[in-house]
Amino acid sequence: IWESYEYPGGDLLYVSESTAYAFSDEIYISNDGGQTWELQKQVTWEAEASFVDVDLGWAVVRADGEVALVFTTNRGLQWEIIEPVLVP
């Protein structure tokens, strides 16, 4: 038996059997296999993301011709830019 659920749209990324993220100009998380979705954050960039686990993830983000590498440690609630460091 198939059941359909409301989907917020965007790129879909499953990090476990029950946990998924939906990325667009809003980041949503589902902890029940997509049955319900919770808004994590509204963003002004497009992302290509990858998560190690439910909390820890990285993304290449693009906005207004700029590109950055960002990471989160709290399920996408906050993102920080990873600044490159050159070692002599």
PDB file of N, CA and C in Angstrom:
ATOM      1  N   ILE A   1       0.859  -1.172   0.000  1.00  0.00           N
ATOM      2  CA  ILE A   1       0.000   0.000   0.000  1.00  0.00           C
ATOM      3  C   ILE A   1       0.901   1.230   0.000  1.00  0.00           C
ATOM      4  N   TRP A   2       0.615   2.158  -0.932  1.00  0.00           N
ATOM      5  CA  TRP A   2       1.361   3.411  -1.034  1.00  0.00           C
ATOM      6  C   TRP A   2       0.629   4.502  -0.268  1.00  0.00           C
ATOM      7  N   GLU A   3       1.396   5.334   0.399  1.00  0.00           N
ATOM      8  CA  GLU A   3       0.842   6.506   1.059  1.00  0.00           C
ATOM      9  C   GLU A   3       1.595   7.723   0.552  1.00  0.00           C
ATOM     10  N   SER A   4       0.910   8.823   0.346  1.00  0.00           N
ATOM     11  CA  SER A   4       1.596  10.043  -0.076  1.00  0.00           C
ATOM     12  C   SER A   4       1.549  11.065   1.045  1.00  0.00           C
ATOM     13  N   TYR A   5       2.625  11.849   1.127  1.00  0.00           N
ATOM     14  CA  TYR A   5       2.757  12.860   2.161  1.00  0.00           C
ATOM     15  C   TYR A   5       3.151  14.175   1.507  1.00  0.00           C
ATOM     16  N   GLU A   6       2.866  15.262   2.165  1.00  0.00           N
ATOM     17  CA  GLU A   6       3.248  16.596   1.705  1.00  0.00           C
ATOM     18  C   GLU A   6       4.775  16.693   1.689  1.00  0.00           C
ATOM     19  N   TYR A   7       5.337  17.209   0.593  1.00  0.00           N
ATOM     20  CA  TYR A   7       6.783  17.377   0.461  1.00  0.00           C
ATOM     21  C   TYR A   7       7.079  18.844   0.211  1.00  0.00           C
ATOM     22  N   PRO A   8       8.032  19.452   0.955  1.00  0.00           N
ATOM     23  CA  PRO A   8       8.281  20.882   0.805  1.00  0.00           C
ATOM     24  C   PRO A   8       8.998  21.260  -0.483  1.00  0.00           C
ATOM     25  N   GLY A   9       9.546  20.292  -1.204  1.00  0.00           N
ATOM     26  CA  GLY A   9      10.224  20.572  -2.460  1.00  0.00           C
ATOM     27  C   GLY A   9      11.719  20.748  -2.276  1.00  0.00           C
ATOM     28  N   GLY A  10      12.425  20.876  -3.380  1.00  0.00           N
ATOM     29  CA  GLY A  10      13.872  21.046  -3.355  1.00  0.00           C
ATOM     30  C   GLY A  10      14.594  19.723  -3.484  1.00  0.00           C
ATOM     31  N   ASP A  11      15.916  19.795  -3.350  1.00  0.00           N
ATOM     32  CA  ASP A  11      16.752  18.607  -3.432  1.00  0.00           C
ATOM     33  C   ASP A  11      16.560  17.764  -2.176  1.00  0.00           C
ATOM     34  N   LEU A  12      16.396  16.473  -2.365  1.00  0.00           N
ATOM     35  CA  LEU A  12      16.133  15.554  -1.267  1.00  0.00           C
ATOM     36  C   LEU A  12      17.403  14.794  -0.920  1.00  0.00           C
ATOM     37  N   LEU A  13      17.745  14.771   0.383  1.00  0.00           N
ATOM     38  CA  LEU A  13      18.946  14.084   0.847  1.00  0.00           C
ATOM     39  C   LEU A  13      18.597  13.284   2.091  1.00  0.00           C
ATOM     40  N   TYR A  14      18.636  11.939   1.962  1.00  0.00           N
ATOM     41  CA  TYR A  14      18.417  11.064   3.120  1.00  0.00           C
ATOM     42  C   TYR A  14      19.750  10.820   3.815  1.00  0.00           C
ATOM     43  N   VAL A  15      19.776  10.959   5.142  1.00  0.00           N
ATOM     44  CA  VAL A  15      20.982  10.686   5.918  1.00  0.00           C
ATOM     45  C   VAL A  15      20.832   9.420   6.758  1.00  0.00           C
ATOM     46  N   SER A  16      19.638   8.917   6.852  1.00  0.00           N
ATOM     47  CA  SER A  16      19.364   7.632   7.491  1.00  0.00           C
ATOM     48  C   SER A  16      18.026   7.143   6.944  1.00  0.00           C
ATOM     49  N   GLU A  17      17.593   5.996   7.398  1.00  0.00           N
ATOM     50  CA  GLU A  17      16.324   5.446   6.928  1.00  0.00           C
ATOM     51  C   GLU A  17      15.150   6.363   7.257  1.00  0.00           C
ATOM     52  N   SER A  18      15.241   7.073   8.368  1.00  0.00           N
ATOM     53  CA  SER A  18      14.120   7.908   8.795  1.00  0.00           C
ATOM     54  C   SER A  18      14.368   9.410   8.680  1.00  0.00           C
ATOM     55  N   THR A  19      15.616   9.843   8.519  1.00  0.00           N
ATOM     56  CA  THR A  19      15.931  11.265   8.516  1.00  0.00           C
ATOM     57  C   THR A  19      16.322  11.741   7.126  1.00  0.00           C
ATOM     58  N   ALA A  20      15.674  12.822   6.692  1.00  0.00           N
ATOM     59  CA  ALA A  20      15.938  13.391   5.379  1.00  0.00           C
ATOM     60  C   ALA A  20      15.928  14.914   5.459  1.00  0.00           C
ATOM     61  N   TYR A  21      16.656  15.523   4.534  1.00  0.00           N
ATOM     62  CA  TYR A  21      16.661  16.970   4.376  1.00  0.00           C
ATOM     63  C   TYR A  21      16.098  17.312   3.002  1.00  0.00           C
ATOM     64  N   ALA A  22      15.424  18.447   2.920  1.00  0.00           N
ATOM     65  CA  ALA A  22      14.968  19.003   1.650  1.00  0.00           C
ATOM     66  C   ALA A  22      15.590  20.391   1.533  1.00  0.00           C
ATOM     67  N   PHE A  23      16.369  20.613   0.462  1.00  0.00           N
ATOM     68  CA  PHE A  23      17.085  21.864   0.265  1.00  0.00           C
ATOM     69  C   PHE A  23      16.499  22.662  -0.887  1.00  0.00           C
ATOM     70  N   SER A  24      16.093  23.876  -0.616  1.00  0.00           N
ATOM     71  CA  SER A  24      15.743  24.869  -1.629  1.00  0.00           C
ATOM     72  C   SER A  24      16.094  26.210  -0.998  1.00  0.00           C
ATOM     73  N   ASP A  25      15.258  27.226  -1.126  1.00  0.00           N
ATOM     74  CA  ASP A  25      15.532  28.466  -0.402  1.00  0.00           C
ATOM     75  C   ASP A  25      15.102  28.339   1.058  1.00  0.00           C
ATOM     76  N   GLU A  26      14.618  27.171   1.399  1.00  0.00           N
ATOM     77  CA  GLU A  26      14.334  26.798   2.779  1.00  0.00           C
ATOM     78  C   GLU A  26      14.896  25.403   3.005  1.00  0.00           C
ATOM     79  N   ILE A  27      15.411  25.163   4.195  1.00  0.00           N
ATOM     80  CA  ILE A  27      15.936  23.844   4.543  1.00  0.00           C
ATOM     81  C   ILE A  27      14.965  23.199   5.517  1.00  0.00           C
ATOM     82  N   TYR A  28      14.467  22.038   5.131  1.00  0.00           N
ATOM     83  CA  TYR A  28      13.538  21.281   5.972  1.00  0.00           C
ATOM     84  C   TYR A  28      14.195  19.982   6.401  1.00  0.00           C
ATOM     85  N   ILE A  29      13.750  19.451   7.542  1.00  0.00           N
ATOM     86  CA  ILE A  29      14.198  18.138   8.005  1.00  0.00           C
ATOM     87  C   ILE A  29      12.972  17.289   8.334  1.00  0.00           C
ATOM     88  N   SER A  30      13.072  16.013   8.024  1.00  0.00           N
ATOM     89  CA  SER A  30      12.052  15.039   8.403  1.00  0.00           C
ATOM     90  C   SER A  30      12.731  13.966   9.230  1.00  0.00           C
ATOM     91  N   ASN A  31      12.148  13.641  10.360  1.00  0.00           N
ATOM     92  CA  ASN A  31      12.691  12.584  11.218  1.00  0.00           C
ATOM     93  C   ASN A  31      11.827  11.329  11.205  1.00  0.00           C
ATOM     94  N   ASP A  32      10.835  11.312  10.316  1.00  0.00           N
ATOM     95  CA  ASP A  32       9.931  10.159  10.249  1.00  0.00           C
ATOM     96  C   ASP A  32       9.767   9.641   8.820  1.00  0.00           C
ATOM     97  N   GLY A  33      10.857   9.683   8.073  1.00  0.00           N
ATOM     98  CA  GLY A  33      10.829   9.136   6.722  1.00  0.00           C
ATOM     99  C   GLY A  33      10.050   9.958   5.721  1.00  0.00           C
ATOM    100  N   GLY A  34       9.828  11.232   5.993  1.00  0.00           N
ATOM    101  CA  GLY A  34       9.134  12.105   5.050  1.00  0.00           C
ATOM    102  C   GLY A  34       7.658  12.291   5.333  1.00  0.00           C
ATOM    103  N   GLN A  35       7.158  11.738   6.424  1.00  0.00           N
ATOM    104  CA  GLN A  35       5.737  11.916   6.741  1.00  0.00           C
ATOM    105  C   GLN A  35       5.445  13.346   7.169  1.00  0.00           C
ATOM    106  N   THR A  36       6.359  13.941   7.927  1.00  0.00           N
ATOM    107  CA  THR A  36       6.219  15.342   8.336  1.00  0.00           C
ATOM    108  C   THR A  36       7.555  16.044   8.136  1.00  0.00           C
ATOM    109  N   TRP A  37       7.508  17.366   7.946  1.00  0.00           N
ATOM    110  CA  TRP A  37       8.700  18.170   7.690  1.00  0.00           C
ATOM    111  C   TRP A  37       8.717  19.373   8.619  1.00  0.00           C
ATOM    112  N   GLU A  38       9.903  19.703   9.133  1.00  0.00           N
ATOM    113  CA  GLU A  38      10.082  20.851  10.015  1.00  0.00           C
ATOM    114  C   GLU A  38      11.060  21.824   9.363  1.00  0.00           C
ATOM    115  N   LEU A  39      10.671  23.088   9.282  1.00  0.00           N
ATOM    116  CA  LEU A  39      11.541  24.112   8.714  1.00  0.00           C
ATOM    117  C   LEU A  39      12.728  24.326   9.637  1.00  0.00           C
ATOM    118  N   GLN A  40      13.935  24.191   9.095  1.00  0.00           N
ATOM    119  CA  GLN A  40      15.146  24.432   9.868  1.00  0.00           C
ATOM    120  C   GLN A  40      15.640  25.864   9.688  1.00  0.00           C
ATOM    121  N   LYS A  41      15.663  26.328   8.416  1.00  0.00           N
ATOM    122  CA  LYS A  41      16.249  27.634   8.148  1.00  0.00           C
ATOM    123  C   LYS A  41      15.849  28.107   6.759  1.00  0.00           C
ATOM    124  N   GLN A  42      15.623  29.410   6.622  1.00  0.00           N
ATOM    125  CA  GLN A  42      15.463  30.038   5.316  1.00  0.00           C
ATOM    126  C   GLN A  42      16.825  30.557   4.902  1.00  0.00           C
ATOM    127  N   VAL A  43      17.194  30.338   3.651  1.00  0.00           N
ATOM    128  CA  VAL A  43      18.515  30.749   3.166  1.00  0.00           C
ATOM    129  C   VAL A  43      18.372  31.533   1.863  1.00  0.00           C
ATOM    130  N   THR A  44      19.435  32.216   1.507  1.00  0.00           N
ATOM    131  CA  THR A  44      19.447  33.009   0.273  1.00  0.00           C
ATOM    132  C   THR A  44      20.436  32.432  -0.722  1.00  0.00           C
ATOM    133  N   TRP A  45      20.743  31.147  -0.592  1.00  0.00           N
ATOM    134  CA  TRP A  45      21.691  30.502  -1.472  1.00  0.00           C
ATOM    135  C   TRP A  45      21.191  29.126  -1.892  1.00  0.00           C
ATOM    136  N   GLU A  46      21.818  28.618  -2.968  1.00  0.00           N
ATOM    137  CA  GLU A  46      21.569  27.256  -3.431  1.00  0.00           C
ATOM    138  C   GLU A  46      22.674  26.377  -2.879  1.00  0.00           C
ATOM    139  N   ALA A  47      22.345  25.141  -2.528  1.00  0.00           N
ATOM    140  CA  ALA A  47      23.340  24.282  -1.883  1.00  0.00           C
ATOM    141  C   ALA A  47      23.407  22.905  -2.514  1.00  0.00           C
ATOM    142  N   GLU A  48      24.614  22.357  -2.522  1.00  0.00           N
ATOM    143  CA  GLU A  48      24.858  20.950  -2.798  1.00  0.00           C
ATOM    144  C   GLU A  48      25.434  20.404  -1.497  1.00  0.00           C
ATOM    145  N   ALA A  49      24.646  19.633  -0.774  1.00  0.00           N
ATOM    146  CA  ALA A  49      25.000  19.257   0.593  1.00  0.00           C
ATOM    147  C   ALA A  49      25.315  17.777   0.733  1.00  0.00           C
ATOM    148  N   SER A  50      26.057  17.481   1.791  1.00  0.00           N
ATOM    149  CA  SER A  50      26.372  16.119   2.179  1.00  0.00           C
ATOM    150  C   SER A  50      26.441  16.086   3.701  1.00  0.00           C
ATOM    151  N   PHE A  51      25.876  15.050   4.299  1.00  0.00           N
ATOM    152  CA  PHE A  51      25.874  14.922   5.750  1.00  0.00           C
ATOM    153  C   PHE A  51      26.579  13.650   6.171  1.00  0.00           C
ATOM    154  N   VAL A  52      27.391  13.739   7.232  1.00  0.00           N
ATOM    155  CA  VAL A  52      28.059  12.586   7.819  1.00  0.00           C
ATOM    156  C   VAL A  52      27.075  11.827   8.687  1.00  0.00           C
ATOM    157  N   ASP A  53      26.269  12.568   9.421  1.00  0.00           N
ATOM    158  CA  ASP A  53      25.206  12.007  10.245  1.00  0.00           C
ATOM    159  C   ASP A  53      24.083  13.037  10.298  1.00  0.00           C
ATOM    160  N   VAL A  54      23.138  12.876  11.168  1.00  0.00           N
ATOM    161  CA  VAL A  54      21.974  13.772  11.220  1.00  0.00           C
ATOM    162  C   VAL A  54      22.377  15.207  11.533  1.00  0.00           C
ATOM    163  N   ASP A  55      23.418  15.401  12.348  1.00  0.00           N
ATOM    164  CA  ASP A  55      23.812  16.740  12.783  1.00  0.00           C
ATOM    165  C   ASP A  55      24.878  17.398  11.923  1.00  0.00           C
ATOM    166  N   LEU A  56      25.866  16.657  11.479  1.00  0.00           N
ATOM    167  CA  LEU A  56      27.067  17.202  10.857  1.00  0.00           C
ATOM    168  C   LEU A  56      27.005  17.134   9.338  1.00  0.00           C
ATOM    169  N   GLY A  57      27.082  18.311   8.712  1.00  0.00           N
ATOM    170  CA  GLY A  57      27.023  18.351   7.258  1.00  0.00           C
ATOM    171  C   GLY A  57      27.827  19.484   6.669  1.00  0.00           C
ATOM    172  N   TRP A  58      28.144  19.334   5.397  1.00  0.00           N
ATOM    173  CA  TRP A  58      28.846  20.349   4.626  1.00  0.00           C
ATOM    174  C   TRP A  58      28.026  20.666   3.399  1.00  0.00           C
ATOM    175  N   ALA A  59      28.256  21.852   2.831  1.00  0.00           N
ATOM    176  CA  ALA A  59      27.581  22.209   1.595  1.00  0.00           C
ATOM    177  C   ALA A  59      28.431  23.192   0.807  1.00  0.00           C
ATOM    178  N   VAL A  60      28.412  23.042  -0.498  1.00  0.00           N
ATOM    179  CA  VAL A  60      28.935  24.056  -1.393  1.00  0.00           C
ATOM    180  C   VAL A  60      27.738  24.924  -1.730  1.00  0.00           C
ATOM    181  N   VAL A  61      27.837  26.213  -1.425  1.00  0.00           N
ATOM    182  CA  VAL A  61      26.705  27.111  -1.627  1.00  0.00           C
ATOM    183  C   VAL A  61      27.064  28.178  -2.646  1.00  0.00           C
ATOM    184  N   ARG A  62      26.043  28.616  -3.381  1.00  0.00           N
ATOM    185  CA  ARG A  62      26.213  29.638  -4.418  1.00  0.00           C
ATOM    186  C   ARG A  62      25.137  30.699  -4.257  1.00  0.00           C
ATOM    187  N   ALA A  63      25.591  31.968  -4.346  1.00  0.00           N
ATOM    188  CA  ALA A  63      24.661  33.086  -4.295  1.00  0.00           C
ATOM    189  C   ALA A  63      25.320  34.304  -4.931  1.00  0.00           C
ATOM    190  N   ASP A  64      24.599  34.947  -5.810  1.00  0.00           N
ATOM    191  CA  ASP A  64      25.076  36.189  -6.448  1.00  0.00           C
ATOM    192  C   ASP A  64      26.478  36.056  -7.038  1.00  0.00           C
ATOM    193  N   GLY A  65      26.750  34.947  -7.690  1.00  0.00           N
ATOM    194  CA  GLY A  65      28.038  34.733  -8.329  1.00  0.00           C
ATOM    195  C   GLY A  65      29.157  34.334  -7.380  1.00  0.00           C
ATOM    196  N   GLU A  66      28.877  34.204  -6.116  1.00  0.00           N
ATOM    197  CA  GLU A  66      29.865  33.807  -5.106  1.00  0.00           C
ATOM    198  C   GLU A  66      29.680  32.329  -4.771  1.00  0.00           C
ATOM    199  N   VAL A  67      30.771  31.681  -4.387  1.00  0.00           N
ATOM    200  CA  VAL A  67      30.743  30.274  -3.981  1.00  0.00           C
ATOM    201  C   VAL A  67      31.445  30.157  -2.641  1.00  0.00           C
ATOM    202  N   ALA A  68      30.900  29.354  -1.744  1.00  0.00           N
ATOM    203  CA  ALA A  68      31.521  29.150  -0.432  1.00  0.00           C
ATOM    204  C   ALA A  68      31.302  27.713   0.013  1.00  0.00           C
ATOM    205  N   LEU A  69      32.189  27.262   0.894  1.00  0.00           N
ATOM    206  CA  LEU A  69      32.041  25.973   1.554  1.00  0.00           C
ATOM    207  C   LEU A  69      31.593  26.264   2.980  1.00  0.00           C
ATOM    208  N   VAL A  70      30.481  25.661   3.397  1.00  0.00           N
ATOM    209  CA  VAL A  70      29.924  25.912   4.720  1.00  0.00           C
ATOM    210  C   VAL A  70      29.695  24.575   5.428  1.00  0.00           C
ATOM    211  N   PHE A  71      29.542  24.646   6.749  1.00  0.00           N
ATOM    212  CA  PHE A  71      29.244  23.439   7.506  1.00  0.00           C
ATOM    213  C   PHE A  71      28.245  23.738   8.605  1.00  0.00           C
ATOM    214  N   THR A  72      27.593  22.675   9.082  1.00  0.00           N
ATOM    215  CA  THR A  72      26.661  22.763  10.196  1.00  0.00           C
ATOM    216  C   THR A  72      26.943  21.614  11.159  1.00  0.00           C
ATOM    217  N   THR A  73      26.715  21.859  12.432  1.00  0.00           N
ATOM    218  CA  THR A  73      26.854  20.803  13.432  1.00  0.00           C
ATOM    219  C   THR A  73      25.554  20.620  14.206  1.00  0.00           C
ATOM    220  N   ASN A  74      24.496  21.324  13.756  1.00  0.00           N
ATOM    221  CA  ASN A  74      23.232  21.274  14.496  1.00  0.00           C
ATOM    222  C   ASN A  74      22.021  21.129  13.557  1.00  0.00           C
ATOM    223  N   ARG A  75      22.137  20.184  12.641  1.00  0.00           N
ATOM    224  CA  ARG A  75      21.011  19.831  11.762  1.00  0.00           C
ATOM    225  C   ARG A  75      20.591  20.950  10.815  1.00  0.00           C
ATOM    226  N   GLY A  76      21.514  21.802  10.463  1.00  0.00           N
ATOM    227  CA  GLY A  76      21.199  22.851   9.494  1.00  0.00           C
ATOM    228  C   GLY A  76      20.568  24.092  10.082  1.00  0.00           C
ATOM    229  N   LEU A  77      20.519  24.193  11.393  1.00  0.00           N
ATOM    230  CA  LEU A  77      19.962  25.409  12.003  1.00  0.00           C
ATOM    231  C   LEU A  77      20.896  26.592  11.815  1.00  0.00           C
ATOM    232  N   GLN A  78      22.212  26.363  11.906  1.00  0.00           N
ATOM    233  CA  GLN A  78      23.208  27.402  11.684  1.00  0.00           C
ATOM    234  C   GLN A  78      24.281  26.848  10.757  1.00  0.00           C
ATOM    235  N   TRP A  79      24.785  27.710   9.881  1.00  0.00           N
ATOM    236  CA  TRP A  79      25.842  27.341   8.937  1.00  0.00           C
ATOM    237  C   TRP A  79      26.986  28.326   9.097  1.00  0.00           C
ATOM    238  N   GLU A  80      28.220  27.816   9.036  1.00  0.00           N
ATOM    239  CA  GLU A  80      29.403  28.654   9.131  1.00  0.00           C
ATOM    240  C   GLU A  80      30.277  28.424   7.907  1.00  0.00           C
ATOM    241  N   ILE A  81      30.885  29.510   7.444  1.00  0.00           N
ATOM    242  CA  ILE A  81      31.795  29.416   6.287  1.00  0.00           C
ATOM    243  C   ILE A  81      33.121  28.806   6.732  1.00  0.00           C
ATOM    244  N   ILE A  82      33.639  27.909   5.938  1.00  0.00           N
ATOM    245  CA  ILE A  82      34.967  27.354   6.163  1.00  0.00           C
ATOM    246  C   ILE A  82      35.941  28.217   5.366  1.00  0.00           C
ATOM    247  N   GLU A  83      36.788  28.936   6.085  1.00  0.00           N
ATOM    248  CA  GLU A  83      37.773  29.814   5.454  1.00  0.00           C
ATOM    249  C   GLU A  83      39.050  29.024   5.165  1.00  0.00           C
ATOM    250  N   PRO A  84      39.537  29.095   3.946  1.00  0.00           N
ATOM    251  CA  PRO A  84      40.793  28.384   3.655  1.00  0.00           C
ATOM    252  C   PRO A  84      41.973  29.055   4.349  1.00  0.00           C
ATOM    253  N   VAL A  85      42.932  28.242   4.768  1.00  0.00           N
ATOM    254  CA  VAL A  85      44.134  28.736   5.415  1.00  0.00           C
ATOM    255  C   VAL A  85      45.323  28.210   4.625  1.00  0.00           C
ATOM    256  N   LEU A  86      46.186  29.114   4.192  1.00  0.00           N
ATOM    257  CA  LEU A  86      47.394  28.717   3.483  1.00  0.00           C
ATOM    258  C   LEU A  86      48.528  28.548   4.476  1.00  0.00           C
ATOM    259  N   VAL A  87      49.166  27.419   4.439  1.00  0.00           N
ATOM    260  CA  VAL A  87      50.279  27.134   5.329  1.00  0.00           C
ATOM    261  C   VAL A  87      51.557  27.275   4.517  1.00  0.00           C
ATOM    262  N   PRO A  88      52.506  28.107   4.985  1.00  0.00           N
ATOM    263  CA  PRO A  88      53.759  28.287   4.218  1.00  0.00           C
ATOM    264  C   PRO A  88      54.615  27.055   4.187  1.00  0.00           C
TER     265      PRO A  88
END
